[in-house]
Amino acid sequence: MFVCLNNDKDATQKIIKSVTYHLHPTARPPVIKVTEAPFLLSKVGWGYYEIKIEIQFKKWTGLGNKVVAHELCFDGRGKTQSFDIDICKKEETVKELAKLMDELQISK
């Protein structure tokens, strides 16, 4: 699994500081922090369970940490799922991120 903004590794690294994966308590280790885009975590496992993914944004964004939940399932040889998260409501932060996205040529 991985966290990436619009499949753009460079833009992701400029906006996200780290991603911490909170796996099942029986996993070893159960918590893994990744600090390099695309924040990839590859493990062998079985079954299905909900994991928490904590995204720590770079300080300049003013977004802090956001936590999302993902149902991890290994049926059907795995699959790719993407989802959107509402990261902020603060107007000036939204404008700064929009400007950066324009500079990086990231689609909104």
C-alpha atoms as a PDB file:
ATOM      1  CA  MET A   1       0.000   0.000   0.000  1.00  0.00           C
ATOM      2  CA  PHE A   2       1.135   3.565  -0.498  1.00  0.00           C
ATOM      3  CA  VAL A   3       0.096   7.201  -0.126  1.00  0.00           C
ATOM      4  CA  CYS A   4       0.700   9.453  -3.096  1.00  0.00           C
ATOM      5  CA  LEU A   5      -0.866  12.675  -4.368  1.00  0.00           C
ATOM      6  CA  ASN A   6      -2.076  12.297  -7.959  1.00  0.00           C
ATOM      7  CA  ASN A   7       0.598   9.626  -8.563  1.00  0.00           C
ATOM      8  CA  ASP A   8       3.248  12.363  -8.348  1.00  0.00           C
ATOM      9  CA  LYS A   9       6.091  11.246  -6.073  1.00  0.00           C
ATOM     10  CA  ASP A  10       7.921  14.600  -6.153  1.00  0.00           C
ATOM     11  CA  ALA A  11       4.843  16.681  -5.305  1.00  0.00           C
ATOM     12  CA  THR A  12       3.905  14.214  -2.572  1.00  0.00           C
ATOM     13  CA  GLN A  13       7.341  14.548  -0.956  1.00  0.00           C
ATOM     14  CA  LYS A  14       6.993  18.338  -0.949  1.00  0.00           C
ATOM     15  CA  ILE A  15       3.652  18.258   0.899  1.00  0.00           C
ATOM     16  CA  ILE A  16       3.730  15.134   3.101  1.00  0.00           C
ATOM     17  CA  LYS A  17       6.391  14.589   5.764  1.00  0.00           C
ATOM     18  CA  SER A  18       5.584  10.999   6.736  1.00  0.00           C
ATOM     19  CA  VAL A  19       2.957   8.279   6.746  1.00  0.00           C
ATOM     20  CA  THR A  20       2.497   5.952   9.712  1.00  0.00           C
ATOM     21  CA  TYR A  21       0.686   2.666   9.165  1.00  0.00           C
ATOM     22  CA  HIS A  22      -1.064   1.157  12.189  1.00  0.00           C
ATOM     23  CA  LEU A  23      -1.396  -2.524  11.311  1.00  0.00           C
ATOM     24  CA  HIS A  24      -3.092  -5.390  13.140  1.00  0.00           C
ATOM     25  CA  PRO A  25      -1.665  -5.858  16.671  1.00  0.00           C
ATOM     26  CA  THR A  26      -0.331  -9.299  15.686  1.00  0.00           C
ATOM     27  CA  ALA A  27       1.806  -7.822  12.886  1.00  0.00           C
ATOM     28  CA  ARG A  28       5.484  -7.410  13.657  1.00  0.00           C
ATOM     29  CA  PRO A  29       6.018  -4.546  13.971  1.00  0.00           C
ATOM     30  CA  PRO A  30       2.410  -3.339  14.265  1.00  0.00           C
ATOM     31  CA  VAL A  31       3.278   0.334  13.622  1.00  0.00           C
ATOM     32  CA  ILE A  32       5.499   1.376  10.713  1.00  0.00           C
ATOM     33  CA  LYS A  33       6.493   4.947   9.836  1.00  0.00           C
ATOM     34  CA  VAL A  34       7.590   5.704   6.254  1.00  0.00           C
ATOM     35  CA  THR A  35       9.350   8.989   5.498  1.00  0.00           C
ATOM     36  CA  GLU A  36       9.922   8.855   1.743  1.00  0.00           C
ATOM     37  CA  ALA A  37       7.363   9.272  -1.059  1.00  0.00           C
ATOM     38  CA  PRO A  38       5.413   7.402  -2.310  1.00  0.00           C
ATOM     39  CA  PHE A  39       5.274   6.181   1.321  1.00  0.00           C
ATOM     40  CA  LEU A  40       5.173   2.564   0.227  1.00  0.00           C
ATOM     41  CA  LEU A  41       4.641  -0.310   2.664  1.00  0.00           C
ATOM     42  CA  SER A  42       4.866  -3.848   1.334  1.00  0.00           C
ATOM     43  CA  LYS A  43       4.154  -6.799   3.633  1.00  0.00           C
ATOM     44  CA  VAL A  44       2.959 -10.370   3.250  1.00  0.00           C
ATOM     45  CA  GLY A  45      -0.242 -11.144   5.121  1.00  0.00           C
ATOM     46  CA  TRP A  46      -3.564 -12.917   5.181  1.00  0.00           C
ATOM     47  CA  GLY A  47      -7.146 -12.180   6.147  1.00  0.00           C
ATOM     48  CA  TYR A  48      -8.625  -8.731   6.302  1.00  0.00           C
ATOM     49  CA  TYR A  49      -8.808  -5.975   8.864  1.00  0.00           C
ATOM     50  CA  GLU A  50      -9.033  -2.208   9.143  1.00  0.00           C
ATOM     51  CA  ILE A  51      -5.795  -0.298   9.348  1.00  0.00           C
ATOM     52  CA  LYS A  52      -5.295   3.318  10.335  1.00  0.00           C
ATOM     53  CA  ILE A  53      -3.092   5.469   8.141  1.00  0.00           C
ATOM     54  CA  GLU A  54      -1.747   8.632   9.782  1.00  0.00           C
ATOM     55  CA  ILE A  55      -0.567  11.243   7.289  1.00  0.00           C
ATOM     56  CA  GLN A  56       1.726  13.938   8.692  1.00  0.00           C
ATOM     57  CA  PHE A  57       1.821  16.974   6.412  1.00  0.00           C
ATOM     58  CA  LYS A  58       4.810  19.300   6.245  1.00  0.00           C
ATOM     59  CA  LYS A  59       4.643  22.099   8.791  1.00  0.00           C
ATOM     60  CA  TRP A  60       4.335  24.892   6.197  1.00  0.00           C
ATOM     61  CA  THR A  61       0.980  23.480   5.022  1.00  0.00           C
ATOM     62  CA  GLY A  62      -0.631  24.052   8.428  1.00  0.00           C
ATOM     63  CA  LEU A  63      -2.520  20.773   7.992  1.00  0.00           C
ATOM     64  CA  GLY A  64      -0.987  18.813  10.865  1.00  0.00           C
ATOM     65  CA  ASN A  65      -1.879  15.122  10.941  1.00  0.00           C
ATOM     66  CA  LYS A  66      -4.834  13.430   9.277  1.00  0.00           C
ATOM     67  CA  VAL A  67      -5.948   9.861   9.972  1.00  0.00           C
ATOM     68  CA  VAL A  68      -7.824   7.715   7.483  1.00  0.00           C
ATOM     69  CA  ALA A  69      -9.059   4.142   7.816  1.00  0.00           C
ATOM     70  CA  HIS A  70      -8.651   1.507   5.128  1.00  0.00           C
ATOM     71  CA  GLU A  71     -10.050  -2.021   5.040  1.00  0.00           C
ATOM     72  CA  LEU A  72      -7.052  -4.143   4.120  1.00  0.00           C
ATOM     73  CA  CYS A  73      -8.084  -7.268   2.211  1.00  0.00           C
ATOM     74  CA  PHE A  74      -5.939  -9.852   0.452  1.00  0.00           C
ATOM     75  CA  ASP A  75      -8.774 -11.542  -1.466  1.00  0.00           C
ATOM     76  CA  GLY A  76      -8.535 -11.532  -5.253  1.00  0.00           C
ATOM     77  CA  ARG A  77      -4.756 -10.974  -5.210  1.00  0.00           C
ATOM     78  CA  GLY A  78      -5.302  -7.484  -3.820  1.00  0.00           C
ATOM     79  CA  LYS A  79      -6.626  -4.429  -5.567  1.00  0.00           C
ATOM     80  CA  THR A  80      -5.929  -0.740  -5.825  1.00  0.00           C
ATOM     81  CA  GLN A  81      -8.304   1.633  -4.113  1.00  0.00           C
ATOM     82  CA  SER A  82      -8.009   5.363  -3.941  1.00  0.00           C
ATOM     83  CA  PHE A  83      -9.989   7.805  -1.883  1.00  0.00           C
ATOM     84  CA  ASP A  84     -10.138  11.530  -1.333  1.00  0.00           C
ATOM     85  CA  ILE A  85      -9.794  13.162   2.043  1.00  0.00           C
ATOM     86  CA  ASP A  86     -10.862  16.661   2.990  1.00  0.00           C
ATOM     87  CA  ILE A  87      -7.612  18.029   4.359  1.00  0.00           C
ATOM     88  CA  CYS A  88      -8.511  21.548   5.379  1.00  0.00           C
ATOM     89  CA  LYS A  89     -11.095  24.273   5.620  1.00  0.00           C
ATOM     90  CA  LYS A  90      -8.789  27.198   6.368  1.00  0.00           C
ATOM     91  CA  GLU A  91      -9.081  29.491   3.336  1.00  0.00           C
ATOM     92  CA  GLU A  92      -5.493  30.809   3.295  1.00  0.00           C
ATOM     93  CA  THR A  93      -4.080  27.264   3.531  1.00  0.00           C
ATOM     94  CA  VAL A  94      -6.316  26.129   0.689  1.00  0.00           C
ATOM     95  CA  LYS A  95      -5.075  29.060  -1.419  1.00  0.00           C
ATOM     96  CA  GLU A  96      -1.422  28.255  -0.619  1.00  0.00           C
ATOM     97  CA  LEU A  97      -1.903  24.604  -1.530  1.00  0.00           C
ATOM     98  CA  ALA A  98      -3.727  25.550  -4.736  1.00  0.00           C
ATOM     99  CA  LYS A  99      -0.849  27.864  -5.681  1.00  0.00           C
ATOM    100  CA  LEU A 100       1.714  25.134  -4.990  1.00  0.00           C
ATOM    101  CA  MET A 101      -0.332  22.636  -6.978  1.00  0.00           C
ATOM    102  CA  ASP A 102      -0.396  25.076  -9.900  1.00  0.00           C
ATOM    103  CA  GLU A 103       3.378  25.550  -9.661  1.00  0.00           C
ATOM    104  CA  LEU A 104       3.914  21.802  -9.572  1.00  0.00           C
ATOM    105  CA  GLN A 105       1.335  21.304 -12.341  1.00  0.00           C
ATOM    106  CA  ILE A 106      -0.771  18.991 -10.174  1.00  0.00           C
ATOM    107  CA  SER A 107      -4.372  18.591 -11.194  1.00  0.00           C
ATOM    108  CA  LYS A 108      -6.872  19.585  -8.506  1.00  0.00           C
END
